Amino acid sequence: METTGSPAALGAALRERRRSLGMTQDDLALAIGVNRKVVGQLESGKENVRLEIVLNAARALGLNVGVEARGESGS
């Protein structure tokens, strides 16, 4: 599941995972303590969703979020 490059790519990856688990946006919203609109914003790649919400959503979906150094070429 590719999550690098943009908020939209991360949102799409979270949406894909949520759907694969058979969860609705309402289910995820309830699990992380936000309303469904926030989940929709996250999944659409809205850039001002709080980092805490992103991390909580990933955790609720059984995903790890990490930081890795890029290669020497800057890719």
N, C-alpha and C. Protein backbone atom coordinates (compact mmCIF):
# COMPACT_ATOMS: atom_id res chain seq x y z
N MET A 1 0.85 -1.17 0.00
CA MET A 1 0.00 0.00 0.00
C MET A 1 0.90 1.24 0.00
N GLU A 2 0.89 1.98 -1.07
CA GLU A 2 1.74 3.16 -1.23
C GLU A 2 1.13 4.37 -0.53
N THR A 3 1.90 5.00 0.36
CA THR A 3 1.39 6.17 1.08
C THR A 3 2.32 7.37 0.94
N THR A 4 3.29 7.30 0.07
CA THR A 4 4.22 8.40 -0.06
C THR A 4 3.78 9.33 -1.18
N GLY A 5 4.24 10.54 -1.08
CA GLY A 5 4.04 11.46 -2.19
C GLY A 5 3.03 12.56 -1.96
N SER A 6 1.93 12.26 -1.33
CA SER A 6 0.92 13.30 -1.17
C SER A 6 -0.12 12.91 -0.13
N PRO A 7 -0.80 13.91 0.40
CA PRO A 7 -1.93 13.61 1.30
C PRO A 7 -3.00 12.79 0.59
N ALA A 8 -3.19 13.03 -0.71
CA ALA A 8 -4.19 12.26 -1.46
C ALA A 8 -3.82 10.78 -1.52
N ALA A 9 -2.53 10.48 -1.69
CA ALA A 9 -2.10 9.08 -1.73
C ALA A 9 -2.30 8.41 -0.38
N LEU A 10 -2.00 9.13 0.69
CA LEU A 10 -2.22 8.58 2.03
C LEU A 10 -3.71 8.35 2.27
N GLY A 11 -4.52 9.33 1.91
CA GLY A 11 -5.97 9.19 2.08
C GLY A 11 -6.53 8.01 1.31
N ALA A 12 -6.05 7.84 0.08
CA ALA A 12 -6.51 6.72 -0.74
C ALA A 12 -6.12 5.39 -0.12
N ALA A 13 -4.92 5.33 0.44
CA ALA A 13 -4.46 4.09 1.08
C ALA A 13 -5.31 3.77 2.31
N LEU A 14 -5.63 4.79 3.09
CA LEU A 14 -6.48 4.57 4.27
C LEU A 14 -7.88 4.13 3.85
N ARG A 15 -8.43 4.75 2.81
CA ARG A 15 -9.76 4.37 2.31
C ARG A 15 -9.75 2.92 1.82
N GLU A 16 -8.71 2.55 1.08
CA GLU A 16 -8.59 1.18 0.57
C GLU A 16 -8.57 0.17 1.72
N ARG A 17 -7.80 0.48 2.75
CA ARG A 17 -7.70 -0.41 3.90
C ARG A 17 -9.04 -0.50 4.64
N ARG A 18 -9.68 0.65 4.84
CA ARG A 18 -10.98 0.66 5.52
C ARG A 18 -11.97 -0.21 4.78
N ARG A 19 -12.03 -0.04 3.49
CA ARG A 19 -12.96 -0.83 2.68
C ARG A 19 -12.63 -2.32 2.73
N SER A 20 -11.33 -2.64 2.71
CA SER A 20 -10.94 -4.06 2.74
C SER A 20 -11.33 -4.71 4.06
N LEU A 21 -11.45 -3.90 5.11
CA LEU A 21 -11.88 -4.41 6.42
C LEU A 21 -13.40 -4.42 6.56
N GLY A 22 -14.10 -3.95 5.54
CA GLY A 22 -15.56 -3.92 5.58
C GLY A 22 -16.12 -2.84 6.48
N MET A 23 -15.34 -1.81 6.72
CA MET A 23 -15.78 -0.71 7.59
C MET A 23 -16.37 0.42 6.75
N THR A 24 -17.34 1.10 7.32
CA THR A 24 -17.86 2.31 6.70
C THR A 24 -17.10 3.51 7.26
N GLN A 25 -17.29 4.66 6.63
CA GLN A 25 -16.70 5.88 7.18
C GLN A 25 -17.26 6.15 8.58
N ASP A 26 -18.52 5.86 8.78
CA ASP A 26 -19.13 6.04 10.11
C ASP A 26 -18.46 5.13 11.14
N ASP A 27 -18.16 3.90 10.76
CA ASP A 27 -17.48 2.97 11.67
C ASP A 27 -16.12 3.52 12.09
N LEU A 28 -15.35 3.98 11.12
CA LEU A 28 -14.02 4.51 11.43
C LEU A 28 -14.13 5.78 12.27
N ALA A 29 -15.06 6.64 11.92
CA ALA A 29 -15.25 7.87 12.69
C ALA A 29 -15.55 7.56 14.14
N LEU A 30 -16.42 6.61 14.38
CA LEU A 30 -16.76 6.21 15.75
C LEU A 30 -15.54 5.65 16.48
N ALA A 31 -14.74 4.86 15.77
CA ALA A 31 -13.56 4.24 16.38
C ALA A 31 -12.51 5.27 16.80
N ILE A 32 -12.44 6.40 16.09
CA ILE A 32 -11.39 7.37 16.41
C ILE A 32 -11.93 8.67 17.02
N GLY A 33 -13.22 8.72 17.25
CA GLY A 33 -13.80 9.85 17.97
C GLY A 33 -13.95 11.13 17.17
N VAL A 34 -14.24 11.00 15.88
CA VAL A 34 -14.51 12.17 15.05
C VAL A 34 -15.82 11.92 14.30
N ASN A 35 -16.28 12.92 13.54
CA ASN A 35 -17.48 12.67 12.74
C ASN A 35 -17.11 12.18 11.36
N ARG A 36 -18.08 11.65 10.65
CA ARG A 36 -17.84 11.05 9.34
C ARG A 36 -17.25 12.05 8.36
N LYS A 37 -17.62 13.31 8.47
CA LYS A 37 -17.09 14.34 7.56
C LYS A 37 -15.57 14.41 7.65
N VAL A 38 -15.01 14.28 8.83
CA VAL A 38 -13.56 14.33 9.01
C VAL A 38 -12.91 13.13 8.32
N VAL A 39 -13.51 11.97 8.43
CA VAL A 39 -12.98 10.79 7.74
C VAL A 39 -13.01 11.02 6.24
N GLY A 40 -14.07 11.59 5.73
CA GLY A 40 -14.16 11.90 4.31
C GLY A 40 -13.06 12.86 3.87
N GLN A 41 -12.80 13.87 4.69
CA GLN A 41 -11.74 14.83 4.38
C GLN A 41 -10.38 14.14 4.37
N LEU A 42 -10.15 13.29 5.35
CA LEU A 42 -8.89 12.55 5.43
C LEU A 42 -8.70 11.70 4.18
N GLU A 43 -9.73 10.95 3.81
CA GLU A 43 -9.63 10.05 2.67
C GLU A 43 -9.52 10.78 1.34
N SER A 44 -10.01 12.01 1.28
CA SER A 44 -9.90 12.77 0.03
C SER A 44 -8.59 13.54 -0.07
N GLY A 45 -7.76 13.45 0.98
CA GLY A 45 -6.45 14.08 0.93
C GLY A 45 -6.41 15.53 1.38
N LYS A 46 -7.44 15.95 2.10
CA LYS A 46 -7.44 17.33 2.59
C LYS A 46 -6.21 17.54 3.47
N GLU A 47 -5.47 18.59 3.21
CA GLU A 47 -4.16 18.77 3.81
C GLU A 47 -4.18 19.27 5.25
N ASN A 48 -5.29 19.78 5.74
CA ASN A 48 -5.26 20.33 7.09
C ASN A 48 -5.91 19.43 8.14
N VAL A 49 -6.02 18.13 7.86
CA VAL A 49 -6.50 17.19 8.87
C VAL A 49 -5.38 17.00 9.89
N ARG A 50 -5.72 17.08 11.16
CA ARG A 50 -4.70 16.98 12.22
C ARG A 50 -3.95 15.65 12.16
N LEU A 51 -2.66 15.74 12.41
CA LEU A 51 -1.81 14.55 12.41
C LEU A 51 -2.33 13.51 13.40
N GLU A 52 -2.80 13.93 14.53
CA GLU A 52 -3.34 13.01 15.54
C GLU A 52 -4.47 12.16 14.95
N ILE A 53 -5.31 12.77 14.13
CA ILE A 53 -6.42 12.05 13.51
C ILE A 53 -5.89 11.03 12.50
N VAL A 54 -4.89 11.44 11.73
CA VAL A 54 -4.28 10.51 10.75
C VAL A 54 -3.71 9.30 11.47
N LEU A 55 -2.96 9.55 12.54
CA LEU A 55 -2.35 8.45 13.29
C LEU A 55 -3.40 7.56 13.94
N ASN A 56 -4.44 8.16 14.50
CA ASN A 56 -5.52 7.38 15.12
C ASN A 56 -6.24 6.53 14.08
N ALA A 57 -6.47 7.09 12.91
CA ALA A 57 -7.13 6.33 11.84
C ALA A 57 -6.27 5.15 11.41
N ALA A 58 -4.99 5.40 11.19
CA ALA A 58 -4.09 4.30 10.81
C ALA A 58 -4.09 3.21 11.86
N ARG A 59 -4.00 3.60 13.12
CA ARG A 59 -3.99 2.62 14.21
C ARG A 59 -5.29 1.82 14.22
N ALA A 60 -6.42 2.49 14.07
CA ALA A 60 -7.72 1.81 14.08
C ALA A 60 -7.85 0.84 12.91
N LEU A 61 -7.13 1.12 11.83
CA LEU A 61 -7.17 0.25 10.65
C LEU A 61 -6.08 -0.81 10.67
N GLY A 62 -5.32 -0.87 11.76
CA GLY A 62 -4.27 -1.88 11.89
C GLY A 62 -3.04 -1.58 11.06
N LEU A 63 -2.79 -0.31 10.80
CA LEU A 63 -1.64 0.09 9.99
C LEU A 63 -0.59 0.77 10.85
N ASN A 64 0.67 0.63 10.46
CA ASN A 64 1.77 1.34 11.08
C ASN A 64 2.11 2.55 10.22
N VAL A 65 2.48 3.63 10.87
CA VAL A 65 2.95 4.82 10.17
C VAL A 65 4.37 5.06 10.66
N GLY A 66 5.29 5.21 9.72
CA GLY A 66 6.69 5.38 10.10
C GLY A 66 7.37 6.43 9.24
N VAL A 67 8.61 6.70 9.61
CA VAL A 67 9.43 7.64 8.87
C VAL A 67 10.70 6.93 8.46
N GLU A 68 11.05 7.03 7.19
CA GLU A 68 12.27 6.39 6.68
C GLU A 68 13.07 7.44 5.92
N ALA A 69 14.38 7.32 6.01
CA ALA A 69 15.25 8.20 5.25
C ALA A 69 15.13 7.87 3.77
N ARG A 70 15.14 8.91 2.95
CA ARG A 70 15.14 8.68 1.50
C ARG A 70 16.54 8.33 1.05
N GLY A 71 16.64 7.74 -0.11
CA GLY A 71 17.94 7.35 -0.67
C GLY A 71 18.81 8.57 -0.98
N GLU A 72 20.04 8.32 -1.30
CA GLU A 72 21.01 9.38 -1.61
C GLU A 72 20.55 10.30 -2.72
N SER A 73 19.78 9.78 -3.66
CA SER A 73 19.33 10.58 -4.79
C SER A 73 18.20 11.52 -4.43
N GLY A 74 17.70 11.45 -3.20
CA GLY A 74 16.60 12.32 -2.77
C GLY A 74 15.23 11.83 -3.18
N SER A 75 15.13 10.59 -3.62
CA SER A 75 13.83 10.04 -4.05
C SER A 75 13.06 9.48 -2.89
